[in-house]
Amino acid sequence: MKIIIKIIFTLIFVHCLLLTANAQWFTQQSGTTDPLYDIEFINKNTGWCCGAGGYIIKTTNGGNNWIRQGSGVAFESLFGIHPVDSNIVYAVGFFRTVVKTTDGGEHWIKVESGMQGDGRYTCLFFINQNTGWIGNFGPGYGVRKTTDGGKTIFSNPFLGYPEDLYFKDSQNGIGVGGSAQIFRTSNGGQNWSIDFLAGSGDFYRVSFINGNTGFTASDRAVYKTTNFGINWDSVGNIPAIVISIGFSTLKTGYAGTAYSILKSIDGGKSWVPQVSTGVIYDLFSENDSIVWGCGNGGRIWHTKNGGISSVNNNSMISNENFNLSQNYPNPFNITTVFKFQIKNNGVYKLEIYNSIGQKLKKIFENNFLRGNYEVLFDATNLSSGIYNYKLTGDNNSQTKKFVLIK
């Protein structure tokens, strides 16, 4: 009988604490415990974040301090925020709410506000201080547009609505939405084409690294375009439902799920979990190393070194490029954790063998960055016995035994 092993490739909470202590990813104080939905920066120091209850915060020192802004201007949840420059910032949310600042957030005004039943604005994108587009969920749906800084907002209704928007100029824009829909316009939003890219799942975010190349992800699948959305190719998969995605270069990207942040260094083909977080609604990548994420519980996650944890080698000298630890617990009944330490970036694989040396399963073969990792292994479909697990990379390998007792 063919043996099927269910693999859960994620980071557990204990590892989250370990990586935080090692300064791989750490949290920044937002001043709220309510959800934060969108985070955007204009450079590595200055950025804004918005969330439930009309909450808006700003940092000018890379998130070392976040200061609340616009208190009392909006009480509706804000789902999208977009800084045009250091002075002009827009945010949108429930009941077709639009708020704006023209002095970096010292003062905010409510540009538009509807009533209960008017739906919500889901996202926005502005190419300058006057011209921008807003995703509209509710009566009319589609995308709305302003060319005078929000004084007048025109409706461009169609069946569907984007969860995220990106425009490369005044004419060409891309939106992504539920049911894995791609929305595209080439005439400034007067008309939109709709394509259903995937069989299932939803697109919540789109990330472009230049005027042609961008990424999005749905129910575990990652897609890439090199011609500004005319064609999309499946380039990889993530072992979770993707809620946010952010690429900084052609090779390096980050993904947020309901549980963790993952990283790819091969253009989205393979992904490595980095830290357990809870829901990550949005990610912003300043570059390959400096990244922010925001999510539930008012948490803002940040890394300054691309999520690579520090490694203490004071107690061990080795010529090998990695170290495989004994699994825990061992013996175990259903699940156990494999821990390993990568000392040199490279391709590594982890495999399971039975007691007579027959390979049963390859758990992964991926690119890994220097750091500490954990894999939660589910052996539901294995019978009781003694097994070996083997980590291989750069012409070296390490093998250890585990005992399964049911």
Protein backbone atom coordinates (compact mmCIF):
# COMPACT_ATOMS: atom_id res chain seq x y z
CA MET A 1 0.00 0.00 0.00
CA LYS A 2 1.27 3.44 -0.87
CA ILE A 3 2.07 5.46 2.21
CA ILE A 4 0.84 9.05 2.23
CA ILE A 5 2.26 11.39 4.81
CA LYS A 6 0.48 14.60 5.63
CA ILE A 7 2.98 17.40 6.13
CA ILE A 8 2.12 20.61 7.95
CA PHE A 9 4.88 23.07 7.06
CA THR A 10 4.48 25.95 9.46
CA LEU A 11 5.99 27.66 12.47
CA ILE A 12 4.55 27.01 15.92
CA PHE A 13 4.08 29.61 18.64
CA VAL A 14 7.17 28.56 20.58
CA HIS A 15 9.27 29.25 17.50
CA CYS A 16 7.64 32.65 17.15
CA LEU A 17 9.00 33.59 20.57
CA LEU A 18 12.44 32.22 19.66
CA LEU A 19 12.66 34.19 16.44
CA THR A 20 11.41 37.36 18.10
CA ALA A 21 14.12 37.00 20.71
CA ASN A 22 16.69 36.56 17.94
CA ALA A 23 15.45 39.77 16.27
CA GLN A 24 14.40 38.02 13.09
CA TRP A 25 10.93 39.56 13.19
CA PHE A 26 9.74 41.74 16.07
CA THR A 27 6.57 43.65 16.90
CA GLN A 28 6.18 47.42 17.05
CA GLN A 29 3.74 49.16 19.38
CA SER A 30 0.71 50.50 17.53
CA GLY A 31 -1.33 51.74 20.50
CA THR A 32 -4.35 49.57 19.69
CA THR A 33 -5.46 45.98 19.97
CA ASP A 34 -7.98 46.29 17.14
CA PRO A 35 -7.19 45.00 13.63
CA LEU A 36 -4.87 46.99 11.38
CA TYR A 37 -5.69 46.54 7.68
CA ASP A 38 -3.17 48.47 5.58
CA ILE A 39 0.39 49.75 5.97
CA GLU A 40 2.28 51.91 3.46
CA PHE A 41 5.63 53.73 3.48
CA ILE A 42 7.15 56.44 1.29
CA ASN A 43 10.68 55.58 2.44
CA LYS A 44 12.34 53.43 5.11
CA ASN A 45 11.46 55.93 7.85
CA THR A 46 8.07 57.45 7.06
CA GLY A 47 4.84 55.49 6.78
CA TRP A 48 1.20 55.24 7.79
CA CYS A 49 -1.07 52.43 8.96
CA CYS A 50 -4.87 52.30 9.32
CA GLY A 51 -7.45 49.99 10.82
CA ALA A 52 -10.66 49.48 12.75
CA GLY A 53 -12.50 52.42 14.27
CA GLY A 54 -10.94 55.00 11.96
CA TYR A 55 -7.54 54.37 13.50
CA ILE A 56 -4.61 56.07 11.72
CA ILE A 57 -1.00 56.07 12.91
CA LYS A 58 2.22 57.48 11.48
CA THR A 59 5.92 56.86 11.98
CA THR A 60 8.89 58.98 10.93
CA ASN A 61 11.59 56.72 12.39
CA GLY A 62 10.92 53.35 10.82
CA GLY A 63 8.32 52.33 13.38
CA ASN A 64 10.34 52.84 16.53
CA ASN A 65 7.45 55.12 17.46
CA TRP A 66 3.97 55.21 15.99
CA ILE A 67 1.88 58.33 16.66
CA ARG A 68 -1.90 58.43 16.35
CA GLN A 69 -3.35 60.91 13.86
CA GLY A 70 -6.82 62.08 12.83
CA SER A 71 -8.52 61.07 16.07
CA GLY A 72 -12.25 61.71 15.82
CA VAL A 73 -12.30 62.41 12.09
CA ALA A 74 -13.61 58.95 11.20
CA PHE A 75 -15.15 56.25 13.37
CA GLU A 76 -15.62 53.83 10.48
CA SER A 77 -13.05 51.09 9.90
CA LEU A 78 -10.45 52.12 7.32
CA PHE A 79 -9.33 49.35 4.94
CA GLY A 80 -6.87 51.20 2.73
CA ILE A 81 -4.37 54.03 3.10
CA HIS A 82 -2.23 55.62 0.38
CA PRO A 83 0.45 58.30 0.86
CA VAL A 84 1.01 60.30 -2.32
CA ASP A 85 4.00 62.05 -0.76
CA SER A 86 5.14 63.25 2.67
CA ASN A 87 2.18 65.65 2.92
CA ILE A 88 -0.79 64.20 1.05
CA VAL A 89 -2.35 60.94 2.29
CA TYR A 90 -5.76 59.39 1.64
CA ALA A 91 -7.59 56.59 3.50
CA VAL A 92 -10.88 54.82 2.74
CA GLY A 93 -13.25 52.46 4.52
CA PHE A 94 -16.74 51.57 5.69
CA PHE A 95 -19.83 53.48 4.50
CA ARG A 96 -17.86 54.96 1.60
CA THR A 97 -15.66 56.94 3.92
CA VAL A 98 -12.76 58.94 2.49
CA VAL A 99 -10.40 60.93 4.72
CA LYS A 100 -7.46 63.06 3.65
CA THR A 101 -4.53 65.08 4.96
CA THR A 102 -2.47 67.67 3.11
CA ASP A 103 0.07 68.38 5.86
CA GLY A 104 1.51 64.96 6.63
CA GLY A 105 -1.26 64.08 9.06
CA GLU A 106 -1.27 67.08 11.38
CA HIS A 107 -4.86 67.67 10.26
CA TRP A 108 -7.30 65.27 8.64
CA ILE A 109 -10.63 66.00 6.96
CA LYS A 110 -13.48 63.72 5.95
CA VAL A 111 -13.85 64.08 2.19
CA GLU A 112 -16.80 61.70 1.79
CA SER A 113 -19.02 59.81 4.20
CA GLY A 114 -22.06 57.67 3.50
CA MET A 115 -24.54 55.86 5.70
CA GLN A 116 -25.13 52.31 6.85
CA GLY A 117 -26.14 50.25 3.81
CA ASP A 118 -23.89 52.22 1.46
CA GLY A 119 -21.35 49.42 1.44
CA ARG A 120 -17.67 50.15 1.83
CA TYR A 121 -14.59 51.31 0.02
CA THR A 122 -12.11 48.44 -0.03
CA CYS A 123 -8.87 49.96 -1.38
CA LEU A 124 -7.40 52.93 -3.19
CA PHE A 125 -4.53 54.09 -5.36
CA PHE A 126 -3.51 57.67 -6.20
CA ILE A 127 -0.96 58.61 -8.86
CA ASN A 128 -0.81 62.27 -7.74
CA GLN A 129 -2.49 64.63 -5.29
CA ASN A 130 -5.65 64.88 -7.39
CA THR A 131 -6.14 61.66 -9.37
CA GLY A 132 -7.01 58.37 -7.72
CA TRP A 133 -9.21 55.28 -7.85
CA ILE A 134 -11.21 53.58 -5.10
CA GLY A 135 -12.55 50.02 -4.93
CA ASN A 136 -16.29 50.03 -4.21
CA PHE A 137 -18.15 47.19 -2.48
CA GLY A 138 -21.85 47.99 -2.34
CA PRO A 139 -24.48 49.52 -4.60
CA GLY A 140 -22.90 49.96 -8.03
CA TYR A 141 -19.77 48.01 -7.13
CA GLY A 142 -16.80 48.50 -9.45
CA VAL A 143 -14.24 51.30 -9.10
CA ARG A 144 -14.74 55.00 -8.39
CA LYS A 145 -12.43 57.79 -9.53
CA THR A 146 -11.57 61.34 -8.58
CA THR A 147 -9.51 63.89 -10.52
CA ASP A 148 -9.84 66.79 -8.08
CA GLY A 149 -8.59 65.37 -4.82
CA GLY A 150 -11.90 63.87 -3.76
CA LYS A 151 -14.17 66.89 -4.23
CA THR A 152 -16.06 64.87 -6.82
CA ILE A 153 -15.95 61.08 -7.04
CA PHE A 154 -17.21 59.46 -10.24
CA SER A 155 -18.72 55.98 -10.38
CA ASN A 156 -17.45 53.35 -12.83
CA PRO A 157 -19.75 50.43 -11.97
CA PHE A 158 -19.21 46.84 -13.05
CA LEU A 159 -19.98 43.44 -11.62
CA GLY A 160 -17.17 42.91 -9.18
CA TYR A 161 -14.90 44.98 -6.98
CA PRO A 162 -11.15 44.99 -6.29
CA GLU A 163 -9.61 44.26 -2.90
CA ASP A 164 -6.39 45.95 -4.04
CA LEU A 165 -5.42 48.36 -6.82
CA TYR A 166 -2.25 49.42 -8.61
CA PHE A 167 -1.83 52.00 -11.39
CA LYS A 168 1.41 52.50 -13.28
CA ASP A 169 0.19 55.71 -14.96
CA SER A 170 -3.00 57.67 -15.57
CA GLN A 171 -4.39 55.08 -18.00
CA ASN A 172 -3.23 51.61 -17.01
CA GLY A 173 -4.38 49.93 -13.82
CA ILE A 174 -4.76 46.48 -12.26
CA GLY A 175 -7.13 45.31 -9.54
CA VAL A 176 -7.48 41.95 -7.82
CA GLY A 177 -10.49 40.59 -5.97
CA GLY A 178 -12.64 37.75 -4.74
CA SER A 179 -13.13 34.53 -6.70
CA ALA A 180 -9.58 35.01 -8.04
CA GLN A 181 -10.63 37.86 -10.32
CA ILE A 182 -8.24 40.16 -12.17
CA PHE A 183 -9.55 43.58 -13.21
CA ARG A 184 -7.69 45.60 -15.83
CA THR A 185 -8.15 49.02 -17.41
CA SER A 186 -6.22 50.78 -20.17
CA ASN A 187 -8.30 53.98 -20.34
CA GLY A 188 -8.02 55.41 -16.86
CA GLY A 189 -10.81 53.35 -15.36
CA GLN A 190 -13.62 54.18 -17.80
CA ASN A 191 -13.82 50.48 -18.69
CA TRP A 192 -12.57 47.37 -16.94
CA SER A 193 -12.00 43.85 -18.24
CA ILE A 194 -12.47 40.93 -15.85
CA ASP A 195 -10.58 37.64 -15.93
CA PHE A 196 -10.99 34.66 -13.62
CA LEU A 197 -7.45 33.51 -13.13
CA ALA A 198 -7.76 30.55 -10.76
CA GLY A 199 -10.28 27.83 -10.08
CA SER A 200 -10.77 28.77 -6.45
CA GLY A 201 -9.67 31.15 -3.75
CA ASP A 202 -9.56 34.93 -3.49
CA PHE A 203 -6.99 37.57 -4.38
CA TYR A 204 -6.53 40.09 -1.58
CA ARG A 205 -3.33 41.87 -2.62
CA VAL A 206 -1.26 42.60 -5.70
CA SER A 207 2.40 43.61 -5.63
CA PHE A 208 4.25 45.22 -8.55
CA ILE A 209 8.02 45.73 -8.60
CA ASN A 210 7.97 47.82 -11.80
CA GLY A 211 5.62 48.89 -14.57
CA ASN A 212 5.25 45.38 -15.97
CA THR A 213 6.11 42.73 -13.39
CA GLY A 214 3.82 41.92 -10.50
CA PHE A 215 2.64 39.12 -8.22
CA THR A 216 -0.59 38.02 -6.58
CA ALA A 217 -1.70 34.89 -4.72
CA SER A 218 -4.95 33.07 -4.01
CA ASP A 219 -5.78 29.83 -2.24
CA ARG A 220 -2.17 28.60 -1.94
CA ALA A 221 -1.25 29.50 -5.54
CA VAL A 222 1.18 32.27 -6.54
CA TYR A 223 0.89 34.05 -9.90
CA LYS A 224 3.20 36.37 -11.80
CA THR A 225 2.76 38.75 -14.74
CA THR A 226 5.51 40.34 -16.84
CA ASN A 227 3.23 42.35 -19.15
CA PHE A 228 1.13 44.27 -16.65
CA GLY A 229 -1.64 41.77 -16.24
CA ILE A 230 -2.30 40.74 -19.81
CA ASN A 231 -1.05 37.26 -18.95
CA TRP A 232 -0.47 35.57 -15.60
CA ASP A 233 1.53 32.40 -14.94
CA SER A 234 1.41 30.14 -11.91
CA VAL A 235 4.93 30.17 -10.44
CA GLY A 236 4.54 28.34 -7.13
CA ASN A 237 2.38 27.62 -4.14
CA ILE A 238 2.20 28.48 -0.46
CA PRO A 239 0.91 25.90 2.05
CA ALA A 240 -1.79 28.25 3.37
CA ILE A 241 -4.42 30.73 2.19
CA VAL A 242 -2.57 33.92 1.28
CA ILE A 243 -4.01 37.18 2.60
CA SER A 244 -1.18 39.56 1.74
CA ILE A 245 1.86 39.52 -0.52
CA GLY A 246 4.74 41.92 -1.05
CA PHE A 247 7.67 41.60 -3.46
CA SER A 248 10.64 43.95 -3.35
CA THR A 249 12.59 42.50 -6.29
CA LEU A 250 12.12 39.86 -8.97
CA LYS A 251 13.39 37.15 -6.61
CA THR A 252 12.51 38.24 -3.07
CA GLY A 253 8.97 38.32 -1.74
CA TYR A 254 6.99 37.88 1.46
CA ALA A 255 3.53 36.43 2.05
CA GLY A 256 1.18 36.81 4.99
CA THR A 257 -1.41 34.19 5.95
CA ALA A 258 -3.79 33.71 8.87
CA TYR A 259 -0.92 32.20 10.85
CA SER A 260 2.50 33.31 9.67
CA ILE A 261 4.82 35.25 7.39
CA LEU A 262 6.70 33.32 4.71
CA LYS A 263 9.54 34.30 2.41
CA SER A 264 10.61 33.39 -1.13
CA ILE A 265 14.03 34.04 -2.65
CA ASP A 266 13.36 32.38 -6.01
CA GLY A 267 10.57 34.50 -7.45
CA GLY A 268 7.71 32.75 -5.68
CA LYS A 269 8.54 29.17 -6.61
CA SER A 270 9.24 28.03 -3.05
CA TRP A 271 8.42 29.55 0.33
CA VAL A 272 9.92 29.19 3.79
CA PRO A 273 7.95 30.07 6.95
CA GLN A 274 9.71 32.67 9.07
CA VAL A 275 7.51 33.60 12.03
CA SER A 276 4.07 32.83 13.50
CA THR A 277 2.03 36.01 13.62
CA GLY A 278 -1.73 35.57 13.45
CA VAL A 279 -3.52 37.23 10.53
CA ILE A 280 -1.37 39.50 8.35
CA TYR A 281 -3.67 41.78 6.33
CA ASP A 282 -0.94 43.69 4.51
CA LEU A 283 2.80 43.66 3.87
CA PHE A 284 5.08 46.46 2.72
CA SER A 285 8.59 45.68 1.43
CA GLU A 286 10.90 48.69 1.31
CA ASN A 287 13.62 46.39 -0.02
CA ASP A 288 14.79 42.78 0.40
CA SER A 289 15.66 43.37 4.06
CA ILE A 290 13.27 46.00 5.45
CA VAL A 291 9.66 44.81 5.64
CA TRP A 292 6.56 45.64 7.68
CA GLY A 293 3.32 43.71 8.15
CA CYS A 294 0.11 44.62 9.98
CA GLY A 295 -2.71 42.44 11.22
CA ASN A 296 -5.05 41.44 13.98
CA GLY A 297 -4.58 42.43 17.60
CA GLY A 298 -3.13 45.78 16.51
CA ARG A 299 0.17 44.09 15.77
CA ILE A 300 2.80 45.55 13.45
CA TRP A 301 5.56 43.12 12.52
CA HIS A 302 8.93 44.34 11.26
CA THR A 303 12.26 42.95 10.11
CA LYS A 304 15.43 44.86 9.28
CA ASN A 305 17.44 41.94 7.94
CA GLY A 306 15.06 40.07 5.67
CA GLY A 307 13.83 37.83 8.45
CA ILE A 308 17.17 36.10 9.00
CA SER A 309 17.57 35.12 12.63
CA SER A 310 20.84 35.51 14.44
CA VAL A 311 22.77 32.29 15.10
CA ASN A 312 24.95 31.74 18.15
CA ASN A 313 27.88 29.50 17.29
CA ASN A 314 29.89 30.09 20.47
CA SER A 315 29.23 26.62 21.83
CA MET A 316 29.80 24.66 18.63
CA ILE A 317 32.44 24.67 15.89
CA SER A 318 31.56 22.74 12.76
CA ASN A 319 32.58 22.68 9.12
CA GLU A 320 29.11 21.60 8.06
CA ASN A 321 26.62 24.10 6.70
CA PHE A 322 23.75 23.05 8.94
CA ASN A 323 22.80 21.32 12.16
CA LEU A 324 19.88 18.93 12.62
CA SER A 325 18.46 18.66 16.14
CA GLN A 326 16.66 15.74 17.75
CA ASN A 327 12.94 15.92 17.16
CA TYR A 328 10.61 16.75 20.05
CA PRO A 329 8.67 15.05 21.45
CA ASN A 330 10.32 11.71 20.87
CA PRO A 331 8.74 9.16 21.08
CA PHE A 332 5.50 10.73 19.87
CA ASN A 333 1.97 9.70 18.97
CA ILE A 334 0.85 11.85 16.02
CA THR A 335 2.92 15.01 15.58
CA THR A 336 6.49 16.02 16.31
CA VAL A 337 8.73 18.98 15.53
CA PHE A 338 11.94 18.82 13.49
CA LYS A 339 14.35 21.68 14.26
CA PHE A 340 17.36 22.59 12.16
CA GLN A 341 19.88 25.39 11.86
CA ILE A 342 21.09 26.65 8.48
CA LYS A 343 24.54 28.27 8.56
CA ASN A 344 25.01 28.94 4.84
CA ASN A 345 22.33 29.92 2.34
CA GLY A 346 21.53 27.13 -0.08
CA VAL A 347 19.22 24.32 -1.16
CA TYR A 348 18.36 21.77 1.53
CA LYS A 349 16.02 18.80 1.67
CA LEU A 350 14.47 16.78 4.49
CA GLU A 351 13.46 13.13 3.93
CA ILE A 352 11.86 10.31 5.92
CA TYR A 353 13.23 6.72 5.81
CA ASN A 354 12.03 3.50 7.39
CA SER A 355 14.24 1.26 9.56
CA ILE A 356 15.64 -0.67 6.58
CA GLY A 357 16.66 2.46 4.67
CA GLN A 358 13.77 2.84 2.24
CA LYS A 359 12.86 6.44 1.50
CA LEU A 360 9.20 7.09 2.30
CA LYS A 361 8.77 10.79 1.73
CA LYS A 362 10.59 13.99 0.84
CA ILE A 363 9.17 16.66 3.15
CA PHE A 364 10.77 19.58 1.36
CA GLU A 365 13.57 20.63 -1.00
CA ASN A 366 13.83 24.40 -0.92
CA ASN A 367 16.17 27.34 -0.78
CA PHE A 368 16.87 28.37 2.81
CA LEU A 369 18.51 31.46 4.23
CA ARG A 370 20.83 31.39 7.22
CA GLY A 371 18.73 30.94 10.39
CA ASN A 372 16.74 28.62 12.66
CA TYR A 373 13.72 26.70 11.38
CA GLU A 374 11.06 24.26 12.55
CA VAL A 375 8.80 21.84 10.70
CA LEU A 376 5.68 20.39 12.32
CA PHE A 377 5.39 16.80 11.05
CA ASP A 378 2.09 14.88 11.08
CA ALA A 379 2.57 11.09 10.95
CA THR A 380 -1.10 10.13 11.03
CA ASN A 381 -0.72 7.59 8.20
CA LEU A 382 2.46 5.95 9.46
CA SER A 383 2.37 2.86 11.63
CA SER A 384 4.21 2.52 14.92
CA GLY A 385 7.92 1.95 14.57
CA ILE A 386 11.41 3.43 14.32
CA TYR A 387 12.15 5.84 11.47
CA ASN A 388 14.99 8.07 10.31
CA TYR A 389 14.83 11.66 9.18
CA LYS A 390 17.66 13.02 7.05
CA LEU A 391 18.63 16.62 6.24
CA THR A 392 20.84 17.03 3.17
CA GLY A 393 22.56 20.05 1.66
CA ASP A 394 25.83 21.05 -0.06
CA ASN A 395 27.18 17.48 -0.25
CA ASN A 396 26.61 16.91 3.49
CA SER A 397 23.85 15.14 5.39
CA GLN A 398 22.77 14.48 8.96
CA THR A 399 20.42 11.71 10.07
CA LYS A 400 18.55 11.11 13.32
CA LYS A 401 15.99 8.56 14.54
CA PHE A 402 12.48 9.04 15.82
CA VAL A 403 10.06 6.62 17.44
CA LEU A 404 6.36 6.61 16.58
CA ILE A 405 4.05 4.97 19.15
CA LYS A 406 0.30 4.69 18.51
